């Protein structure tokens, strides 16, 4: 079973400040001297979820701050933000990492809002 399919089957109702929508793209994360390229799982105006095949972030304390760049054609542009690690949890054989936006431009937030509206309007895109 692919990482994305496993993630989709494991979704539970969450209590989030900002609802997330699925995102197929890549997150470039620089944190604690590491430079990582990891698949995106979902996105909201408050943060981005990433899929980790390894224990890369498992030892990182919550709240650690880094820089990320999110690239996904559906977004209509590249998003850059300072993020903090909120948590890393296990879902089957993968880990889902939650990265909260600590500093992000208004223009990048608008790209996310437009993408979320598009997902809600289209069939089975979110």
C-alpha atoms as a PDB file:
ATOM      1  CA  UNK A   1       0.000   0.000   0.000  1.00  0.00           C
ATOM      2  CA  UNK A   2       1.396   3.403  -0.939  1.00  0.00           C
ATOM      3  CA  UNK A   3       2.131   6.056   1.656  1.00  0.00           C
ATOM      4  CA  UNK A   4      -0.632   8.310   0.322  1.00  0.00           C
ATOM      5  CA  UNK A   5      -3.248   5.527   0.317  1.00  0.00           C
ATOM      6  CA  UNK A   6      -2.321   4.568   3.855  1.00  0.00           C
ATOM      7  CA  UNK A   7      -2.683   8.178   4.947  1.00  0.00           C
ATOM      8  CA  UNK A   8      -6.080   8.540   3.280  1.00  0.00           C
ATOM      9  CA  UNK A   9      -7.436   5.403   4.948  1.00  0.00           C
ATOM     10  CA  UNK A  10      -6.232   6.574   8.370  1.00  0.00           C
ATOM     11  CA  UNK A  11      -7.911   9.973   8.476  1.00  0.00           C
ATOM     12  CA  UNK A  12      -9.928  10.667  11.571  1.00  0.00           C
ATOM     13  CA  UNK A  13     -11.988  13.730  12.408  1.00  0.00           C
ATOM     14  CA  UNK A  14      -9.601  16.303  13.811  1.00  0.00           C
ATOM     15  CA  UNK A  15     -10.117  19.383  15.938  1.00  0.00           C
ATOM     16  CA  UNK A  16      -8.112  21.968  14.058  1.00  0.00           C
ATOM     17  CA  UNK A  17      -8.207  25.745  14.032  1.00  0.00           C
ATOM     18  CA  UNK A  18      -8.080  25.640  10.232  1.00  0.00           C
ATOM     19  CA  UNK A  19      -9.413  22.672   8.250  1.00  0.00           C
ATOM     20  CA  UNK A  20      -6.869  21.082   5.934  1.00  0.00           C
ATOM     21  CA  UNK A  21      -7.175  19.844   2.381  1.00  0.00           C
ATOM     22  CA  UNK A  22      -5.029  17.214   0.718  1.00  0.00           C
ATOM     23  CA  UNK A  23      -2.004  18.427  -1.178  1.00  0.00           C
ATOM     24  CA  UNK A  24       0.133  16.531  -3.661  1.00  0.00           C
ATOM     25  CA  UNK A  25       3.465  18.272  -3.696  1.00  0.00           C
ATOM     26  CA  UNK A  26       6.850  18.459  -2.080  1.00  0.00           C
ATOM     27  CA  UNK A  27       8.073  20.280   1.006  1.00  0.00           C
ATOM     28  CA  UNK A  28      11.705  21.366   1.231  1.00  0.00           C
ATOM     29  CA  UNK A  29      12.462  21.712   4.929  1.00  0.00           C
ATOM     30  CA  UNK A  30      15.606  23.105   6.523  1.00  0.00           C
ATOM     31  CA  UNK A  31      15.764  22.511  10.249  1.00  0.00           C
ATOM     32  CA  UNK A  32      18.536  21.780  12.748  1.00  0.00           C
ATOM     33  CA  UNK A  33      21.180  21.561  10.028  1.00  0.00           C
ATOM     34  CA  UNK A  34      19.075  19.077   8.032  1.00  0.00           C
ATOM     35  CA  UNK A  35      17.888  19.750   4.507  1.00  0.00           C
ATOM     36  CA  UNK A  36      14.938  17.482   3.687  1.00  0.00           C
ATOM     37  CA  UNK A  37      12.685  16.914   0.669  1.00  0.00           C
ATOM     38  CA  UNK A  38       9.479  15.274   1.834  1.00  0.00           C
ATOM     39  CA  UNK A  39       6.019  14.687   0.343  1.00  0.00           C
ATOM     40  CA  UNK A  40       3.217  17.002   1.399  1.00  0.00           C
ATOM     41  CA  UNK A  41       0.075  15.382   2.810  1.00  0.00           C
ATOM     42  CA  UNK A  42      -2.235  18.319   3.435  1.00  0.00           C
ATOM     43  CA  UNK A  43      -2.306  22.072   3.928  1.00  0.00           C
ATOM     44  CA  UNK A  44      -4.283  24.813   5.671  1.00  0.00           C
ATOM     45  CA  UNK A  45      -3.718  28.468   6.424  1.00  0.00           C
ATOM     46  CA  UNK A  46      -2.165  27.425   9.744  1.00  0.00           C
ATOM     47  CA  UNK A  47       0.266  24.758   8.539  1.00  0.00           C
ATOM     48  CA  UNK A  48       1.265  21.842   6.353  1.00  0.00           C
ATOM     49  CA  UNK A  49       1.313  18.102   6.963  1.00  0.00           C
ATOM     50  CA  UNK A  50       4.185  16.007   5.625  1.00  0.00           C
ATOM     51  CA  UNK A  51       4.630  12.260   5.132  1.00  0.00           C
ATOM     52  CA  UNK A  52       7.816  10.779   6.520  1.00  0.00           C
ATOM     53  CA  UNK A  53       8.989   7.294   5.522  1.00  0.00           C
ATOM     54  CA  UNK A  54      11.757   7.462   8.094  1.00  0.00           C
ATOM     55  CA  UNK A  55      12.184   8.640  11.639  1.00  0.00           C
ATOM     56  CA  UNK A  56      13.765  11.858  10.375  1.00  0.00           C
ATOM     57  CA  UNK A  57      11.795  14.239  12.582  1.00  0.00           C
ATOM     58  CA  UNK A  58      10.797  11.766  15.292  1.00  0.00           C
ATOM     59  CA  UNK A  59      13.587  12.907  17.611  1.00  0.00           C
ATOM     60  CA  UNK A  60      12.992  16.616  17.041  1.00  0.00           C
ATOM     61  CA  UNK A  61      11.245  18.394  19.890  1.00  0.00           C
ATOM     62  CA  UNK A  62       7.931  20.085  19.242  1.00  0.00           C
ATOM     63  CA  UNK A  63       8.330  23.781  18.663  1.00  0.00           C
ATOM     64  CA  UNK A  64      11.665  23.604  16.857  1.00  0.00           C
ATOM     65  CA  UNK A  65      11.669  26.216  14.076  1.00  0.00           C
ATOM     66  CA  UNK A  66      12.860  25.843  10.494  1.00  0.00           C
ATOM     67  CA  UNK A  67      12.264  27.156   6.996  1.00  0.00           C
ATOM     68  CA  UNK A  68      10.104  25.382   4.442  1.00  0.00           C
ATOM     69  CA  UNK A  69       9.309  25.801   0.774  1.00  0.00           C
ATOM     70  CA  UNK A  70       6.178  24.108  -0.545  1.00  0.00           C
ATOM     71  CA  UNK A  71       5.988  23.248  -4.230  1.00  0.00           C
ATOM     72  CA  UNK A  72       2.791  21.904  -5.765  1.00  0.00           C
ATOM     73  CA  UNK A  73       1.448  22.817  -9.207  1.00  0.00           C
ATOM     74  CA  UNK A  74      -2.109  23.059  -7.830  1.00  0.00           C
ATOM     75  CA  UNK A  75      -1.144  25.933  -5.520  1.00  0.00           C
ATOM     76  CA  UNK A  76      -0.358  28.275  -8.391  1.00  0.00           C
ATOM     77  CA  UNK A  77       2.961  29.306  -6.892  1.00  0.00           C
ATOM     78  CA  UNK A  78       5.694  28.369  -4.463  1.00  0.00           C
ATOM     79  CA  UNK A  79       5.023  28.994  -0.772  1.00  0.00           C
ATOM     80  CA  UNK A  80       7.781  29.846   1.689  1.00  0.00           C
ATOM     81  CA  UNK A  81       7.365  30.067   5.456  1.00  0.00           C
ATOM     82  CA  UNK A  82       9.004  29.689   8.811  1.00  0.00           C
ATOM     83  CA  UNK A  83       7.495  26.636  10.490  1.00  0.00           C
ATOM     84  CA  UNK A  84       7.644  24.885  13.823  1.00  0.00           C
ATOM     85  CA  UNK A  85       7.269  21.161  14.382  1.00  0.00           C
ATOM     86  CA  UNK A  86       3.988  20.581  16.151  1.00  0.00           C
ATOM     87  CA  UNK A  87       4.113  16.820  16.330  1.00  0.00           C
ATOM     88  CA  UNK A  88       5.045  13.655  14.529  1.00  0.00           C
ATOM     89  CA  UNK A  89       2.704  10.697  14.790  1.00  0.00           C
ATOM     90  CA  UNK A  90       2.776   7.199  13.434  1.00  0.00           C
ATOM     91  CA  UNK A  91       0.184   6.003  10.930  1.00  0.00           C
ATOM     92  CA  UNK A  92       0.988   2.422   9.937  1.00  0.00           C
ATOM     93  CA  UNK A  93       4.542   2.312   8.566  1.00  0.00           C
ATOM     94  CA  UNK A  94       4.818   6.044   7.986  1.00  0.00           C
ATOM     95  CA  UNK A  95       4.932   9.138  10.132  1.00  0.00           C
ATOM     96  CA  UNK A  96       2.766  12.193   9.652  1.00  0.00           C
ATOM     97  CA  UNK A  97       4.485  15.409  10.667  1.00  0.00           C
ATOM     98  CA  UNK A  98       2.569  18.562  11.442  1.00  0.00           C
ATOM     99  CA  UNK A  99       4.365  21.821  10.661  1.00  0.00           C
ATOM    100  CA  UNK A 100       2.735  25.050  11.869  1.00  0.00           C
ATOM    101  CA  UNK A 101       3.331  28.290   9.992  1.00  0.00           C
ATOM    102  CA  UNK A 102       5.082  30.744  12.307  1.00  0.00           C
ATOM    103  CA  UNK A 103       5.678  33.411   9.668  1.00  0.00           C
ATOM    104  CA  UNK A 104       4.153  33.436   6.187  1.00  0.00           C
ATOM    105  CA  UNK A 105       3.372  36.235   3.728  1.00  0.00           C
ATOM    106  CA  UNK A 106      -0.149  37.426   3.017  1.00  0.00           C
ATOM    107  CA  UNK A 107       0.357  36.498  -0.645  1.00  0.00           C
ATOM    108  CA  UNK A 108       1.258  32.908   0.254  1.00  0.00           C
ATOM    109  CA  UNK A 109      -1.757  32.679   2.572  1.00  0.00           C
ATOM    110  CA  UNK A 110      -3.946  33.820  -0.314  1.00  0.00           C
ATOM    111  CA  UNK A 111      -2.540  31.027  -2.522  1.00  0.00           C
ATOM    112  CA  UNK A 112      -3.571  28.527   0.163  1.00  0.00           C
ATOM    113  CA  UNK A 113      -7.046  30.062   0.532  1.00  0.00           C
ATOM    114  CA  UNK A 114      -7.613  29.917  -3.249  1.00  0.00           C
ATOM    115  CA  UNK A 115      -6.457  26.293  -3.350  1.00  0.00           C
ATOM    116  CA  UNK A 116      -8.817  25.370  -0.495  1.00  0.00           C
ATOM    117  CA  UNK A 117     -11.756  27.058  -2.254  1.00  0.00           C
ATOM    118  CA  UNK A 118     -10.900  25.193  -5.458  1.00  0.00           C
ATOM    119  CA  UNK A 119     -10.762  21.883  -3.556  1.00  0.00           C
ATOM    120  CA  UNK A 120     -14.158  22.474  -1.976  1.00  0.00           C
ATOM    121  CA  UNK A 121     -15.695  23.382  -5.331  1.00  0.00           C
ATOM    122  CA  UNK A 122     -14.283  20.426  -7.278  1.00  0.00           C
ATOM    123  CA  UNK A 123     -15.319  16.783  -6.976  1.00  0.00           C
ATOM    124  CA  UNK A 124     -13.043  14.566  -4.821  1.00  0.00           C
ATOM    125  CA  UNK A 125     -10.076  16.935  -5.003  1.00  0.00           C
ATOM    126  CA  UNK A 126      -9.811  17.584  -1.299  1.00  0.00           C
END
